[in-house]
Protein backbone atom coordinates (compact mmCIF):
# COMPACT_ATOMS: atom_id res chain seq x y z
CA MET A 1 1.20 2.53 -4.00
CA THR A 2 2.57 -0.82 -2.80
CA LYS A 3 4.73 -0.69 0.29
CA ARG A 4 6.71 -3.35 2.13
CA LYS A 5 9.25 -3.19 4.88
CA GLN A 6 12.93 -2.83 4.06
CA PRO A 7 15.76 -3.07 6.63
CA ILE A 8 16.95 0.40 7.68
CA ARG A 9 20.62 1.11 7.22
CA THR A 10 22.36 2.78 10.12
CA SER A 11 24.55 5.14 8.09
CA ILE A 12 23.07 7.08 5.17
CA PRO A 13 25.41 9.31 3.14
CA THR A 14 24.45 12.89 2.33
CA TYR A 15 24.93 14.36 -1.15
CA GLU A 16 24.02 17.50 -3.02
CA LEU A 17 23.75 15.30 -6.13
CA TYR A 18 24.05 11.53 -5.79
CA GLY A 19 27.63 10.26 -5.98
CA GLU A 20 29.22 13.71 -5.88
CA ASP A 21 31.29 14.17 -2.74
CA ASP A 22 32.12 17.88 -3.00
CA PRO A 23 29.30 19.91 -1.41
CA ALA A 24 31.42 23.06 -1.66
CA GLY A 25 31.15 22.72 -5.42
CA SER A 26 27.37 22.99 -5.33
CA ARG A 27 26.41 26.25 -7.05
CA PHE A 28 22.79 25.72 -7.99
CA TRP A 29 19.33 26.41 -6.63
CA VAL A 30 17.83 23.98 -9.14
CA HIS A 31 19.32 21.12 -11.14
CA CYS A 32 17.62 19.05 -13.83
CA GLU A 33 18.78 15.91 -15.59
CA THR A 34 17.24 12.84 -17.18
CA ILE A 35 16.79 9.81 -14.92
CA PRO A 36 19.00 7.59 -17.15
CA ALA A 37 21.85 10.14 -17.14
CA ARG A 38 22.89 9.20 -13.60
CA SER A 39 21.19 5.85 -12.97
CA ALA A 40 22.86 4.23 -16.01
CA LEU A 41 26.24 4.98 -14.44
CA HIS A 42 25.21 3.01 -11.35
CA HIS A 43 23.65 -0.02 -13.09
CA TRP A 44 20.14 1.44 -12.69
CA GLU A 45 20.33 1.48 -8.89
CA ILE A 46 20.72 4.58 -6.72
CA GLY A 47 21.80 3.65 -3.22
CA LEU A 48 20.16 4.91 -0.05
CA HIS A 49 21.19 8.53 0.59
CA ARG A 50 19.75 11.91 1.58
CA HIS A 51 19.93 15.58 0.60
CA GLU A 52 20.24 17.95 3.55
CA ARG A 53 18.86 21.11 1.89
CA TYR A 54 17.32 19.92 -1.34
CA PHE A 55 13.86 18.74 -2.33
CA GLN A 56 13.60 16.26 -5.21
CA ILE A 57 10.94 15.45 -7.80
CA LEU A 58 11.29 12.52 -10.17
CA LEU A 59 9.00 12.62 -13.21
CA VAL A 60 8.72 9.05 -14.52
CA THR A 61 7.54 8.96 -18.14
CA GLY A 62 8.78 5.50 -19.12
CA GLY A 63 9.92 2.26 -17.53
CA SER A 64 9.27 1.39 -13.89
CA GLY A 65 11.00 0.84 -10.59
CA ASP A 66 10.96 1.03 -6.81
CA ALA A 67 11.50 4.02 -4.56
CA VAL A 68 13.14 3.06 -1.28
CA PHE A 69 12.19 5.43 1.55
CA GLU A 70 14.34 4.20 4.46
CA GLY A 71 12.03 1.49 5.87
CA GLU A 72 9.52 1.32 3.01
CA ILE A 73 9.43 0.47 -0.69
CA ALA A 74 7.00 2.11 -3.12
CA ARG A 75 6.47 0.89 -6.68
CA PHE A 76 6.14 3.41 -9.52
CA GLU A 77 5.17 3.15 -13.18
CA PRO A 78 4.62 5.79 -15.85
CA VAL A 79 3.35 8.38 -15.65
CA SER A 80 4.16 9.19 -12.01
CA ILE A 81 6.00 11.68 -9.88
CA VAL A 82 8.10 10.75 -6.86
CA THR A 83 8.56 13.53 -4.29
CA VAL A 84 11.33 13.40 -1.68
CA PRO A 85 11.66 16.00 1.12
CA PRO A 86 15.06 17.11 2.47
CA ALA A 87 16.87 14.87 4.97
CA ILE A 88 14.79 11.79 4.05
CA GLY A 89 16.83 8.68 3.30
CA HIS A 90 15.90 7.37 -0.14
CA GLY A 91 17.15 5.30 -3.05
CA PHE A 92 15.84 3.90 -6.34
CA ARG A 93 15.88 0.73 -8.40
CA PHE A 94 15.05 1.41 -12.05
CA SER A 95 14.29 -0.80 -15.02
CA PRO A 96 16.75 -0.28 -17.92
CA GLU A 97 14.03 1.37 -20.02
CA ILE A 98 13.41 4.06 -17.40
CA ASP A 99 12.81 7.55 -18.75
CA GLY A 100 11.94 10.94 -17.29
CA TYR A 101 13.57 13.73 -15.33
CA VAL A 102 15.01 14.42 -11.88
CA PHE A 103 14.54 17.93 -10.46
CA THR A 104 16.69 18.79 -7.43
CA PHE A 105 16.17 22.22 -5.90
CA LEU A 106 16.68 24.09 -2.65
CA ALA A 107 13.86 23.53 -0.17
CA SER A 108 13.96 27.26 0.56
CA ARG A 109 12.43 27.81 -2.89
CA LEU A 110 9.33 25.74 -2.07
CA PRO A 111 6.03 27.67 -1.90
CA VAL A 112 5.63 26.56 1.76
CA ARG A 113 7.89 24.78 4.21
CA PRO A 114 7.58 20.99 4.54
CA GLY A 115 5.49 20.26 7.64
CA GLU A 116 3.77 23.65 7.61
CA PRO A 117 0.15 23.37 8.86
CA SER A 118 -1.56 23.12 5.48
CA ALA A 119 -2.41 20.37 3.01
CA LEU A 120 0.56 21.37 0.85
CA GLY A 121 2.92 21.62 3.83
CA GLN A 122 1.97 18.13 4.98
CA PHE A 123 2.35 16.71 1.47
CA LEU A 124 5.83 18.21 1.15
CA SER A 125 6.96 16.65 4.44
CA THR A 126 6.36 13.01 3.41
CA PRO A 127 7.98 11.08 0.54
CA SER A 128 5.38 9.80 -1.88
CA VAL A 129 4.56 8.40 -5.30
CA THR A 130 1.69 10.11 -7.14
CA ARG A 131 0.24 8.58 -10.31
CA LEU A 132 -0.69 11.01 -13.09
CA ALA A 133 -3.64 9.36 -14.81
CA PRO A 134 -4.04 10.30 -18.51
CA GLN A 135 -7.75 11.03 -18.05
CA ASP A 136 -7.15 13.33 -15.06
CA PRO A 137 -6.79 17.02 -16.08
CA GLU A 138 -4.89 17.83 -12.88
CA GLY A 139 -2.40 15.04 -13.54
CA GLN A 140 -1.84 16.20 -17.10
CA LEU A 141 -1.31 19.75 -15.88
CA ILE A 142 1.39 18.51 -13.47
CA LEU A 143 3.06 16.70 -16.37
CA SER A 144 2.88 19.84 -18.52
CA HIS A 145 4.39 22.04 -15.78
CA LEU A 146 7.33 19.69 -15.18
CA LEU A 147 8.07 19.20 -18.86
CA ARG A 148 8.13 22.99 -19.21
CA VAL A 149 10.57 23.25 -16.30
CA ALA A 150 12.84 20.71 -18.02
CA SER A 151 12.59 22.67 -21.25
CA GLU A 152 13.45 25.95 -19.51
CA TRP A 153 16.42 24.33 -17.81
CA GLN A 154 17.77 23.09 -21.12
CA GLY A 155 16.99 26.29 -23.04
CA ARG A 156 18.62 28.73 -20.60
CA LEU A 157 16.58 31.65 -21.93
CA THR A 158 15.78 34.96 -20.24
CA GLY A 159 13.24 34.64 -17.44
CA ARG A 160 13.76 30.91 -16.93
CA THR A 161 14.31 31.23 -13.16
CA VAL A 162 10.81 32.66 -12.64
CA LEU A 163 9.24 30.11 -14.98
CA MET A 164 11.02 27.15 -13.37
CA GLU A 165 10.18 28.23 -9.83
CA THR A 166 6.54 28.84 -10.77
CA GLY A 167 6.30 25.52 -12.61
CA LEU A 168 7.73 23.51 -9.73
CA ALA A 169 5.44 25.23 -7.21
CA ALA A 170 2.34 24.67 -9.38
CA ALA A 171 3.19 21.01 -9.95
CA LEU A 172 3.62 20.38 -6.22
CA ALA A 173 0.42 22.21 -5.28
CA LEU A 174 -1.54 20.12 -7.80
CA ALA A 175 0.13 16.92 -6.61
CA ALA A 176 -0.87 17.74 -3.03
CA ARG A 177 -4.46 18.20 -4.22
CA LEU A 178 -4.40 14.80 -5.95
CA ALA A 179 -2.99 13.17 -2.83
CA ALA A 180 -5.70 14.73 -0.66
CA GLN A 181 -8.41 13.53 -3.05
CA GLY A 182 -7.05 10.00 -2.81
CA GLU A 183 -7.25 9.84 0.98
CA THR A 184 -10.97 9.14 1.10
CA GLU A 185 -10.69 7.06 4.24
CA LYS A 186 -9.56 10.06 6.31
CA GLU A 187 -11.94 12.33 8.17
CA ALA A 188 -12.90 15.66 6.64
CA THR A 189 -10.67 18.60 7.54
CA ASP A 190 -12.01 20.40 10.59
CA GLU A 191 -12.65 24.14 10.73
CA ASN A 192 -9.40 24.95 12.50
CA ASP A 193 -7.39 23.06 9.86
CA ARG A 194 -9.06 25.16 7.19
CA ARG A 195 -8.23 28.30 9.16
CA LEU A 196 -4.60 27.22 9.37
CA GLU A 197 -4.40 26.69 5.64
CA ALA A 198 -6.08 30.05 4.95
CA PHE A 199 -3.72 31.78 7.40
CA SER A 200 -0.69 30.18 5.74
CA SER A 201 -1.79 31.28 2.29
CA LEU A 202 -2.55 34.81 3.48
CA LEU A 203 0.78 35.06 5.31
CA HIS A 204 2.62 34.01 2.16
CA ARG A 205 1.07 36.97 0.27
CA GLU A 206 1.17 39.61 3.00
CA VAL A 207 4.28 38.95 5.08
CA ARG A 208 6.27 41.79 3.47
CA ASN A 209 3.48 44.24 4.26
CA HIS A 210 4.05 43.78 8.03
CA ARG A 211 0.37 43.23 8.85
CA PRO A 212 -0.68 43.07 12.52
CA ALA A 213 -2.28 39.95 13.98
CA SER A 214 -5.65 41.68 13.83
CA PHE A 215 -5.41 41.85 10.02
CA TYR A 216 -5.13 38.06 9.72
CA ALA A 217 -7.82 37.46 12.32
CA HIS A 218 -10.25 39.81 10.56
CA ALA A 219 -9.57 38.13 7.21
CA LEU A 220 -10.43 34.75 8.79
CA GLY A 221 -13.52 36.09 10.55
CA ILE A 222 -12.32 35.46 14.11
CA THR A 223 -10.80 37.53 16.92
CA PRO A 224 -7.01 37.92 17.30
CA THR A 225 -7.19 35.97 20.58
CA HIS A 226 -9.04 33.13 18.91
CA LEU A 227 -6.56 33.05 16.02
CA ASN A 228 -3.62 32.98 18.41
CA ARG A 229 -5.23 30.12 20.32
CA VAL A 230 -5.87 28.11 17.14
CA LEU A 231 -2.32 28.58 15.88
CA LYS A 232 -0.76 27.65 19.21
CA ALA A 233 -2.89 24.52 19.45
CA LYS A 234 -1.93 23.39 15.95
CA THR A 235 1.70 24.55 15.67
CA GLY A 236 2.91 25.43 19.16
CA LEU A 237 3.56 29.02 18.01
CA GLY A 238 1.45 32.16 18.28
CA THR A 239 0.49 34.51 15.45
CA GLN A 240 3.37 36.94 15.89
CA GLU A 241 5.91 34.13 16.20
CA LEU A 242 4.72 32.56 12.94
CA VAL A 243 4.75 35.92 11.17
CA ALA A 244 8.29 36.63 12.41
CA ARG A 245 9.51 33.17 11.37
CA ARG A 246 8.08 33.58 7.88
CA LEU A 247 9.61 37.05 7.55
CA ILE A 248 13.00 35.64 8.52
CA GLU A 249 12.65 32.97 5.84
CA GLU A 250 11.92 35.67 3.27
CA ALA A 251 14.92 37.66 4.51
CA GLN A 252 17.23 34.64 4.27
CA ARG A 253 16.05 33.93 0.75
CA GLU A 254 16.69 37.54 -0.30
CA LEU A 255 20.10 37.61 1.35
CA LEU A 256 21.22 34.38 -0.29
CA PHE A 257 19.80 34.73 -3.78
CA THR A 258 19.93 38.45 -4.54
CA PRO A 259 23.08 40.58 -4.89
CA GLY A 260 21.68 43.70 -3.19
CA SER A 261 23.08 45.33 -0.09
CA ILE A 262 21.61 44.74 3.38
CA LYS A 263 19.89 48.12 3.06
CA GLU A 264 18.30 47.15 -0.27
CA VAL A 265 17.15 43.81 1.15
CA SER A 266 15.57 45.51 4.15
CA PHE A 267 13.58 47.87 1.89
CA ARG A 268 12.38 44.98 -0.31
CA LEU A 269 11.14 43.24 2.84
CA GLY A 270 9.10 46.28 3.87
CA PHE A 271 11.42 47.66 6.57
CA SER A 272 11.74 51.46 6.47
CA ASP A 273 14.78 51.37 8.79
CA PRO A 274 17.69 49.07 7.81
CA ALA A 275 19.08 49.28 11.35
CA TYR A 276 15.80 47.93 12.74
CA PHE A 277 15.86 45.13 10.15
CA SER A 278 19.35 44.15 11.34
CA ARG A 279 18.22 44.10 14.98
CA PHE A 280 15.14 42.07 14.11
CA PHE A 281 17.20 39.56 12.11
CA SER A 282 19.78 39.26 14.91
CA ARG A 283 17.10 38.63 17.55
CA GLN A 284 15.62 35.80 15.49
CA THR A 285 18.83 34.13 14.30
CA ALA A 286 21.56 35.27 16.73
CA MET A 287 23.53 36.52 13.68
CA THR A 288 23.67 39.77 11.75
CA PRO A 289 22.31 39.68 8.18
CA ALA A 290 25.80 40.17 6.76
CA SER A 291 27.30 37.37 8.86
CA TRP A 292 24.48 34.99 7.99
CA ARG A 293 24.81 35.74 4.27
CA ALA A 294 28.58 35.16 4.30
CA GLN A 295 28.21 31.90 6.21
CA GLU A 296 25.54 30.52 3.89
CA GLN A 297 27.32 31.56 0.71
CA ILE A 298 30.35 29.63 1.85
CA ARG A 299 28.26 26.63 2.86
CA LEU A 300 26.52 26.43 -0.51
CA GLY A 301 29.72 27.07 -2.39
CA SER A 302 28.14 29.99 -4.24
CA ARG A 303 31.06 32.33 -3.58
CA ALA A 304 34.28 30.34 -3.80
CA GLU A 305 36.50 33.40 -3.36
CA ASP A 306 34.60 34.49 -0.27
CA ALA A 307 35.13 31.03 1.17
CA GLU A 308 38.88 31.33 0.61
CA THR A 309 38.91 34.80 2.24
CA VAL A 310 37.14 33.52 5.35
CA LYS A 311 39.44 30.51 5.61
CA ALA A 312 42.50 32.75 5.26
CA GLY A 313 41.17 35.00 8.02
């Protein structure tokens, strides 16, 4: 990937989708369109901008261009993917024969958070261009996953949400693996880094089961004290703090993207007492679950009538 310095602009606009100035009209968790669909309207150049809550993947299957990441420029050619984390200033210059897809989706639907202490978390935190070589099985699998996501988006058939979310997650996990394989000049991952990645994966599977710190420590073959020390050294947070933060993220996702009551959400998250769930949520966020849900629905524009009710009040 060729990089060269580019002057940084002082003011970078924020969009849900480039060129659309009405964030309250955003009602999607994922959006898919061809690259030419929008870039052709702007003479094949997308100006520097950012997305506050959305992660983006560009699948480039034809043509070429430059990705502008604030102070750097990265060249891409087919077949490649360009990954852009939330809040990162970016823009594109495309050749007129550009082809492929743009996937824009809520960062809350990522398999792990950008910056989380794992290979995938680190990959998701940095904008990058990843080449998908035709002779590389992993690269071809990434291509297959993303083409299937595009097909599901266009087809609008039953079960497409699960298939799209799974396809995006699989493509990103494989891309992170390719990126790690390409960094041969870096030192091998130390034992504590491997423990962090294993802990993150285990937490993703078990967080709704409310496991104690000793469960994670035993699974990693170390004492709870040792695990807590490792996590604090690498992330600044202890085991229980990381577990609580991940549980809150699961709760926020359930509250925002499922229609169930607060009681139903609490049961799905493994809480036997909805009142305790509400107290736990309030301690972590300084808001009740109901208040947080209402605020976020308004912010994402997913409940226009609720927004009008709040404004009227």
